[in-house]
Every structure is written in C-alpha cells, then in structure tokens.
Amino acid sequence: MADITVTEHLLLHQKRTPQATGQFTGLLYDLILSGKSISRRINKAGLLDILGGTGEVNVQGENVQKMDTIANRIMLYRMERCGALCAMSSEEEADLIRVSPEFPRGDYILIFDPLDGSSNIDVNINVGTIFSILRRPDGHSGEVTLDEVLQPGNRQVAAGYILYGPSTMLVLSTGQGVHGFTLDPGVGEFLLSHPNMCIPEQGYIYSVNEGNWKNWDAPAREAVNWFHGCETSDGKPYSSRYVGALVADFHRTLINGGIYMYPSDAKKPNGKLRLMCEAAPLAFLAEQAGGKASDGRGRILERVPEHLHARTPLFIGSAKDVEAVENIYAKYAGLIA
C-alpha cells in the first residue's frame, strides 16, 4: 500500500467529500497536530511526573487526571487558533467555549473528549481523544448560541478518535465510510493503514461492566443474559471483554465486531456516557462502518441533546447484536404499556 497521508486521502476523495477543502482541511490538520502532541506526552508520562490525579473534580463529577488537564489544554490552545471554528465544547469544561474575536473564526463547531479512559493511564492501558465536528447552521452570524450547538448526531459532518496505544491511530469518517490511519513516528505523519473499515454483521464479543448488574433494570439484565446464552454465527458462545476505556472497547468492536453496552442504572438513570462528545461521534463511525448504535429504544444519531453534557445509555456495534438488545427493550416496553 502506498504511504497515503490523511490530507492526501481527503483530497483524493474531495469530489465525494465536499467539506474536505479549505476550513475543514485546516481544522483536521490542527486536530491531528493536537493528537501528535498528546501522544508524545502520553508516551513519556511515566518519566515526566504527569501520571495520577490533580486532586480536582471536573464538571462531570469525576476525578481529574493530570493528563486530562494537559490534553484539554493542548486541544483548546491549538483548536482556538485554527481559524475554522466558531465554538467548542470539551468534556472537561462546564460551558460552551466561543472562539475569541482575536482569532479568525470559521463555520465549524468542535465537540471533544480530550482524553477518554484517562483513569487507565497509570496502568498503561489504551486511552484516546474522541471528537465530533458540526457545521454552524446556515443563516446565523454573531456570537454562537447554545441552540446552534445542540444538534443531533445525524448532522455531524465528521467524527472520529485518536487512539493512544501500542501505536497511535486516527480513525475518521467524513460520511464516506470509515478509514484508519496509523502514526509513523519516523515521518511524523498519520498514514492510511485501515481503509474502508467495516463492522461484521454479527460479532463474538460482548463488552459491559457487569459489576453494575445489581443496579440495572430488567431489560438491561435480560440483554446481558441473552449474550451469556446465545451463540455466534459459527455456533460458539460469546466471549466477554471489557477494557473500561470506551474508546479502546469501541476500537476492538469496530475491528472484530460484537457489542459494547453501557446501560442506564439506578445511580445513573439517564446513562453515564456523554451524548455529544462520546456516544454521537462513535455512533456516526459505527453506522458508517455498517453497524448500529442505540440507547435501547432508538437510534443514537436521532437524539437531540438537551444540554452540552447530556448523558445517554449506549449499545453499539454489530447490527444484529444491537438489534437483539433493541428487541428486548421493545418487549419490555410492550409489557409496560
């Protein structure tokens, strides 16, 4: 395979990807530069005394890791200056971030989780940056309003993640399939390594934190029980795998198939995962790769967020596996009705 960079890939597909020009290409360039910078720091985290927590709690009520703060600072600094954005929202920030008038502004809105799975940094497990790119609605000018940002996931123009693991990998979709690019440290570029990524129609792995079992409702318990007892397409039982970092669990699901599940529970009745910076971008990738993403009752990409940090249950992965969960939830909805 020829060494095709991300930018070259976008330009090669420019006719089918109208947004792969001008502002968008510049936005992606600075996003990639941010990922490279974060990757370098993660690789040296044990040597630079940037492991562990800061002692602070973020807007989500979660303990902040030192690398959370560093990754967030890198993203905010770089992306505010890229000239393609009018606003941003970070998992680590309570409010919408409007690009300062001292910098050039564009038509795009960036929603991101600067470092998903950061609690795993101390034990050297994969973590990642998840991002969603929206376009500001036509006909709007002046300061961006919150209503302009609270768009359903089906309006995303692009989404993806940068996975920091044994290799650093960018997985991206601009609405024309899903493509993976691996960082070559020798040339400092993300090179196309996984073209046209597709999720198998049915997988063989289910991924869920079964430690939350006692707090789940009946359909969530039945859904997990279903995977305990059902068979894969080749007649074998499903295997359980759970990393505990959404981006890592999803990456495995994208490649091998299966399902990742994070149901709501008694402690988090609206779900734990953030709709805009976690569930929606990964749902966009799942659907572009031939899979599905649901909250158990409907398509994730059709949900309209009520606020920046709205939460949701998530069932994502192979189409048949997600449909099996939806059927169970539908059955309980009928019983309740």
Protein backbone atom coordinates (compact mmCIF):
# COMPACT_ATOMS: atom_id res chain seq x y z
CA MET A 1 0.00 0.00 0.00
CA ALA A 2 1.30 3.45 -0.89
CA ASP A 3 2.01 5.82 2.01
CA ILE A 4 -1.11 8.00 1.82
CA THR A 5 -1.46 10.69 4.48
CA VAL A 6 -4.77 11.86 5.95
CA THR A 7 -4.72 15.11 3.98
CA GLU A 8 -3.87 13.30 0.74
CA HIS A 9 -6.69 10.85 1.37
CA LEU A 10 -9.18 13.69 1.87
CA LEU A 11 -8.03 15.48 -1.26
CA LEU A 12 -8.19 12.26 -3.29
CA HIS A 13 -11.83 11.88 -2.22
CA GLN A 14 -12.61 15.57 -2.44
CA LYS A 15 -15.31 15.20 -5.08
CA ARG A 16 -17.25 12.84 -2.82
CA THR A 17 -16.38 14.78 0.36
CA PRO A 18 -17.31 18.44 -0.24
CA GLN A 19 -16.14 19.53 3.22
CA ALA A 20 -12.59 18.25 2.55
CA THR A 21 -11.41 21.69 1.43
CA GLY A 22 -10.32 24.96 2.94
CA GLN A 23 -11.50 25.39 6.51
CA PHE A 24 -12.22 21.72 7.08
CA THR A 25 -8.80 20.53 5.93
CA GLY A 26 -7.17 23.17 8.13
CA LEU A 27 -9.31 22.11 11.08
CA LEU A 28 -8.28 18.50 10.62
CA TYR A 29 -4.61 19.46 10.31
CA ASP A 30 -4.65 21.20 13.69
CA LEU A 31 -6.68 18.38 15.25
CA ILE A 32 -4.04 15.91 14.09
CA LEU A 33 -1.27 18.16 15.39
CA SER A 34 -3.02 18.19 18.77
CA GLY A 35 -3.18 14.40 18.74
CA LYS A 36 0.52 14.10 17.97
CA SER A 37 1.32 16.43 20.87
CA ILE A 38 -0.90 14.48 23.28
CA SER A 39 0.58 11.18 22.07
CA ARG A 40 4.13 12.40 22.73
CA ARG A 41 3.26 13.38 26.29
CA ILE A 42 1.46 10.11 27.00
CA ASN A 43 4.46 8.13 25.78
CA LYS A 44 6.63 10.00 28.30
CA ALA A 45 4.05 10.23 31.09
CA GLY A 46 5.92 7.96 33.48
CA LEU A 47 9.10 9.99 33.01
CA LEU A 48 7.59 13.47 33.29
CA ASP A 49 5.63 13.05 36.55
CA ILE A 50 2.29 13.57 34.80
CA LEU A 51 0.61 10.38 35.98
CA GLY A 52 -2.05 10.34 38.68
CA GLY A 53 -4.74 12.79 39.70
CA THR A 54 -4.73 16.54 40.22
CA GLY A 55 -6.98 16.35 43.28
CA GLU A 56 -9.71 18.25 41.38
CA VAL A 57 -13.17 17.12 40.25
CA ASN A 58 -14.48 18.11 36.79
CA VAL A 59 -17.95 19.20 35.70
CA GLN A 60 -18.90 15.54 35.32
CA GLY A 61 -18.16 14.84 39.00
CA GLU A 62 -15.12 12.75 38.04
CA ASN A 63 -11.60 12.91 39.43
CA VAL A 64 -9.34 14.84 37.08
CA GLN A 65 -6.10 13.18 35.98
CA LYS A 66 -3.01 15.25 35.22
CA MET A 67 -3.14 14.09 31.61
CA ASP A 68 -6.80 15.17 31.37
CA THR A 69 -5.73 18.72 32.10
CA ILE A 70 -2.76 18.58 29.73
CA ALA A 71 -4.75 17.08 26.84
CA ASN A 72 -7.57 19.57 27.34
CA ARG A 73 -5.15 22.50 27.38
CA ILE A 74 -3.45 21.29 24.18
CA MET A 75 -6.78 20.91 22.38
CA LEU A 76 -8.13 24.29 23.45
CA TYR A 77 -4.95 26.18 22.61
CA ARG A 78 -4.42 24.63 19.21
CA MET A 79 -8.02 24.46 18.02
CA GLU A 80 -8.97 28.01 19.02
CA ARG A 81 -6.25 29.26 16.68
CA CYS A 82 -7.02 27.01 13.71
CA GLY A 83 -9.29 29.57 12.02
CA ALA A 84 -12.05 27.05 11.18
CA LEU A 85 -14.07 27.07 14.41
CA CYS A 86 -16.64 29.38 15.91
CA ALA A 87 -17.17 27.35 19.10
CA MET A 88 -16.00 24.30 21.04
CA SER A 89 -17.24 22.10 23.85
CA SER A 90 -14.96 19.92 25.97
CA GLU A 91 -15.94 17.23 28.43
CA GLU A 92 -13.68 18.98 30.91
CA GLU A 93 -15.35 22.40 30.60
CA ALA A 94 -18.76 23.28 32.05
CA ASP A 95 -19.75 25.86 29.44
CA LEU A 96 -19.63 26.39 25.70
CA ILE A 97 -16.30 27.85 24.55
CA ARG A 98 -16.72 30.58 21.94
CA VAL A 99 -13.67 31.37 19.83
CA SER A 100 -12.19 34.71 20.89
CA PRO A 101 -12.58 37.63 18.44
CA GLU A 102 -8.79 38.00 18.46
CA PHE A 103 -8.59 34.81 16.37
CA PRO A 104 -10.07 34.16 12.93
CA ARG A 105 -13.37 32.28 13.10
CA GLY A 106 -14.91 29.71 10.81
CA ASP A 107 -18.17 27.83 10.39
CA TYR A 108 -17.42 24.67 12.35
CA ILE A 109 -18.14 23.54 15.91
CA LEU A 110 -15.86 21.01 17.64
CA ILE A 111 -17.12 18.77 20.45
CA PHE A 112 -14.49 16.60 22.12
CA ASP A 113 -13.42 14.40 25.00
CA PRO A 114 -9.72 15.29 25.29
CA LEU A 115 -8.71 12.04 26.97
CA ASP A 116 -11.26 9.26 27.26
CA GLY A 117 -10.28 6.50 29.70
CA SER A 118 -7.69 8.68 31.45
CA SER A 119 -8.03 6.74 34.71
CA ASN A 120 -6.24 3.90 32.88
CA ILE A 121 -3.13 6.00 32.22
CA ASP A 122 -1.47 4.87 35.45
CA VAL A 123 -1.71 1.21 34.41
CA ASN A 124 -0.60 1.82 30.81
CA ILE A 125 -3.88 0.89 29.11
CA ASN A 126 -5.10 2.44 25.85
CA VAL A 127 -6.78 5.86 26.04
CA GLY A 128 -7.96 8.22 23.33
CA THR A 129 -9.31 11.56 22.14
CA ILE A 130 -12.87 11.44 20.74
CA PHE A 131 -14.16 14.26 18.55
CA SER A 132 -17.27 15.38 16.71
CA ILE A 133 -17.40 18.10 14.05
CA LEU A 134 -20.61 20.02 13.35
CA ARG A 135 -21.29 22.88 10.97
CA ARG A 136 -22.94 26.03 12.24
CA PRO A 137 -26.48 26.24 10.82
CA ASP A 138 -26.82 28.46 7.75
CA GLY A 139 -28.09 31.98 8.23
CA HIS A 140 -26.55 32.52 11.67
CA SER A 141 -23.99 35.19 12.47
CA GLY A 142 -22.58 36.93 15.51
CA GLU A 143 -21.89 35.03 18.74
CA VAL A 144 -22.76 31.35 18.61
CA THR A 145 -25.77 30.40 20.73
CA LEU A 146 -26.15 27.15 22.62
CA ASP A 147 -29.16 26.19 20.49
CA GLU A 148 -26.93 26.21 17.41
CA VAL A 149 -24.59 23.72 19.07
CA LEU A 150 -27.22 21.29 20.42
CA GLN A 151 -27.61 19.39 17.16
CA PRO A 152 -28.49 15.70 16.77
CA GLY A 153 -25.67 13.39 15.77
CA ASN A 154 -27.04 12.86 12.27
CA ARG A 155 -25.91 16.42 11.47
CA GLN A 156 -22.25 15.68 12.14
CA VAL A 157 -20.04 16.38 9.13
CA ALA A 158 -17.22 14.27 10.56
CA ALA A 159 -16.32 12.30 13.66
CA GLY A 160 -13.51 10.14 14.90
CA TYR A 161 -10.98 9.37 17.57
CA ILE A 162 -7.24 9.21 18.11
CA LEU A 163 -6.25 6.05 19.97
CA TYR A 164 -3.05 6.13 22.03
CA GLY A 165 -1.81 2.57 22.44
CA PRO A 166 0.98 0.32 21.14
CA SER A 167 0.65 2.55 18.07
CA THR A 168 -1.15 5.87 17.77
CA MET A 169 -4.08 5.60 15.38
CA LEU A 170 -6.59 8.06 13.91
CA VAL A 171 -9.98 6.62 12.95
CA LEU A 172 -12.05 9.07 10.91
CA SER A 173 -15.25 9.36 8.93
CA THR A 174 -16.42 12.32 6.88
CA GLY A 175 -19.59 10.50 5.87
CA GLN A 176 -17.87 8.40 3.18
CA GLY A 177 -17.03 5.26 5.15
CA VAL A 178 -14.53 4.82 7.98
CA HIS A 179 -10.78 4.89 7.48
CA GLY A 180 -7.92 4.27 9.90
CA PHE A 181 -4.54 6.00 9.83
CA THR A 182 -1.53 4.93 11.89
CA LEU A 183 1.09 7.42 13.07
CA ASP A 184 4.51 6.65 11.61
CA PRO A 185 6.95 8.19 14.15
CA GLY A 186 9.71 8.14 11.56
CA VAL A 187 7.97 10.63 9.27
CA GLY A 188 5.62 12.17 11.82
CA GLU A 189 2.54 11.53 9.67
CA PHE A 190 -0.67 9.53 10.00
CA LEU A 191 -0.63 7.09 7.08
CA LEU A 192 -3.60 5.16 5.72
CA SER A 193 -3.41 1.69 7.25
CA HIS A 194 -7.06 0.56 7.56
CA PRO A 195 -9.10 1.67 4.51
CA ASN A 196 -12.86 1.11 4.46
CA MET A 197 -13.24 -0.32 7.96
CA CYS A 198 -16.42 -2.40 8.39
CA ILE A 199 -18.05 -3.95 11.45
CA PRO A 200 -19.05 -7.60 10.96
CA GLU A 201 -22.83 -8.06 10.86
CA GLN A 202 -22.61 -10.25 13.98
CA GLY A 203 -19.72 -10.47 16.39
CA TYR A 204 -18.48 -12.84 19.06
CA ILE A 205 -17.66 -10.44 21.93
CA TYR A 206 -19.90 -8.59 24.35
CA SER A 207 -18.40 -5.80 26.42
CA VAL A 208 -20.07 -4.46 29.56
CA ASN A 209 -19.21 -3.67 33.18
CA GLU A 210 -21.10 -6.49 34.90
CA GLY A 211 -20.13 -5.02 38.26
CA ASN A 212 -23.14 -2.74 37.80
CA TRP A 213 -25.55 -5.70 37.49
CA LYS A 214 -27.48 -5.09 40.71
CA ASN A 215 -28.31 -1.51 39.64
CA TRP A 216 -29.61 -2.37 36.15
CA ASP A 217 -33.27 -2.56 35.24
CA ALA A 218 -34.91 -5.75 33.92
CA PRO A 219 -34.32 -5.23 30.17
CA ALA A 220 -30.63 -4.46 30.70
CA ARG A 221 -30.21 -7.65 32.75
CA GLU A 222 -32.04 -9.72 30.17
CA ALA A 223 -29.96 -8.23 27.36
CA VAL A 224 -26.70 -9.24 29.04
CA ASN A 225 -28.16 -12.65 29.92
CA TRP A 226 -29.02 -13.09 26.25
CA PHE A 227 -25.33 -12.78 25.34
CA HIS A 228 -24.45 -15.23 28.12
CA GLY A 229 -26.53 -17.88 26.40
CA CYS A 230 -26.64 -17.11 22.68
CA GLU A 231 -24.27 -18.36 20.01
CA THR A 232 -22.16 -16.60 17.41
CA SER A 233 -22.66 -17.14 13.67
CA ASP A 234 -20.31 -20.14 13.81
CA GLY A 235 -22.13 -21.74 16.74
CA LYS A 236 -19.70 -20.76 19.51
CA PRO A 237 -20.53 -18.92 22.75
CA TYR A 238 -19.85 -15.17 23.04
CA SER A 239 -16.72 -14.06 24.91
CA SER A 240 -16.65 -11.22 27.43
CA ARG A 241 -14.07 -8.44 27.05
CA TYR A 242 -14.11 -5.12 28.94
CA VAL A 243 -11.20 -2.67 28.99
CA GLY A 244 -13.01 0.10 30.86
CA ALA A 245 -11.97 2.79 28.37
CA LEU A 246 -14.78 3.47 25.90
CA VAL A 247 -12.50 4.36 23.01
CA ALA A 248 -10.47 1.15 23.45
CA ASP A 249 -13.53 -1.08 23.78
CA PHE A 250 -15.14 0.55 20.74
CA HIS A 251 -11.97 0.19 18.65
CA ARG A 252 -11.94 -3.56 19.31
CA THR A 253 -15.66 -3.73 18.48
CA LEU A 254 -15.14 -1.81 15.24
CA ILE A 255 -12.50 -4.28 14.09
CA ASN A 256 -13.77 -7.60 15.49
CA GLY A 257 -17.49 -6.97 15.76
CA GLY A 258 -19.72 -7.65 18.75
CA ILE A 259 -21.35 -5.15 21.06
CA TYR A 260 -20.37 -2.59 23.68
CA MET A 261 -23.05 -1.88 26.29
CA TYR A 262 -23.38 0.81 28.93
CA PRO A 263 -26.98 0.68 30.18
CA SER A 264 -28.56 3.22 32.48
CA ASP A 265 -28.83 2.12 36.11
CA ALA A 266 -30.35 3.14 39.41
CA LYS A 267 -27.47 5.53 40.12
CA LYS A 268 -27.40 7.00 36.60
CA PRO A 269 -30.96 6.77 35.25
CA ASN A 270 -30.07 8.86 32.18
CA GLY A 271 -26.94 6.84 31.47
CA LYS A 272 -23.31 7.67 32.13
CA LEU A 273 -21.78 8.37 28.72
CA ARG A 274 -21.90 11.86 27.24
CA LEU A 275 -24.18 12.07 24.20
CA MET A 276 -22.35 14.79 22.27
CA CYS A 277 -18.67 14.05 22.90
CA GLU A 278 -18.75 10.25 23.24
CA ALA A 279 -21.89 8.45 22.05
CA ALA A 280 -22.77 10.54 18.97
CA PRO A 281 -19.32 10.54 17.32
CA LEU A 282 -18.86 6.81 17.90
CA ALA A 283 -22.41 6.16 16.66
CA PHE A 284 -21.52 8.08 13.48
CA LEU A 285 -18.50 5.82 12.97
CA ALA A 286 -20.49 2.67 13.76
CA GLU A 287 -23.17 3.44 11.20
CA GLN A 288 -20.64 4.45 8.56
CA ALA A 289 -18.94 1.08 9.13
CA GLY A 290 -22.22 -0.84 8.71
CA GLY A 291 -23.06 -1.22 12.41
CA LYS A 292 -25.66 0.31 14.70
CA ALA A 293 -25.83 2.47 17.82
CA SER A 294 -28.86 2.71 20.09
CA ASP A 295 -29.93 3.85 23.54
CA GLY A 296 -32.04 0.67 23.71
CA ARG A 297 -35.13 2.41 22.47
CA GLY A 298 -33.95 4.35 19.43
CA ARG A 299 -31.12 5.47 17.21
CA ILE A 300 -28.43 7.49 18.99
CA LEU A 301 -27.92 9.77 15.99
CA GLU A 302 -31.53 10.97 16.15
CA ARG A 303 -31.37 12.10 19.76
CA VAL A 304 -31.39 15.86 20.26
CA PRO A 305 -29.22 16.84 23.26
CA GLU A 306 -30.94 18.92 25.93
CA HIS A 307 -27.67 20.41 27.16
CA LEU A 308 -23.94 20.21 26.43
CA HIS A 309 -23.27 17.40 28.85
CA ALA A 310 -26.43 15.35 28.28
CA ARG A 311 -25.96 11.66 29.01
CA THR A 312 -27.25 8.50 27.41
CA PRO A 313 -27.25 4.72 27.65
CA LEU A 314 -25.31 3.17 24.77
CA PHE A 315 -25.50 -0.12 22.87
CA ILE A 316 -23.13 -0.03 19.89
CA GLY A 317 -21.51 -2.45 17.48
CA SER A 318 -22.58 -5.18 15.06
CA ALA A 319 -26.04 -4.62 13.59
CA LYS A 320 -27.52 -7.98 14.62
CA ASP A 321 -26.17 -7.70 18.16
CA VAL A 322 -27.59 -4.21 18.68
CA GLU A 323 -30.92 -5.28 17.16
CA ALA A 324 -31.10 -8.14 19.67
CA VAL A 325 -30.87 -5.63 22.53
CA GLU A 326 -33.44 -3.32 20.94
CA ASN A 327 -35.86 -6.23 20.61
CA ILE A 328 -35.55 -6.96 24.33
CA TYR A 329 -36.21 -3.33 25.25
CA ALA A 330 -39.16 -3.25 22.85
CA LYS A 331 -40.60 -6.34 24.53
CA TYR A 332 -40.46 -4.69 27.94
CA ALA A 333 -41.97 -1.50 26.57
CA GLY A 334 -44.89 -3.58 25.33
CA LEU A 335 -45.30 -5.27 28.70
CA ILE A 336 -45.32 -1.92 30.48
CA ALA A 337 -47.85 -0.48 28.02
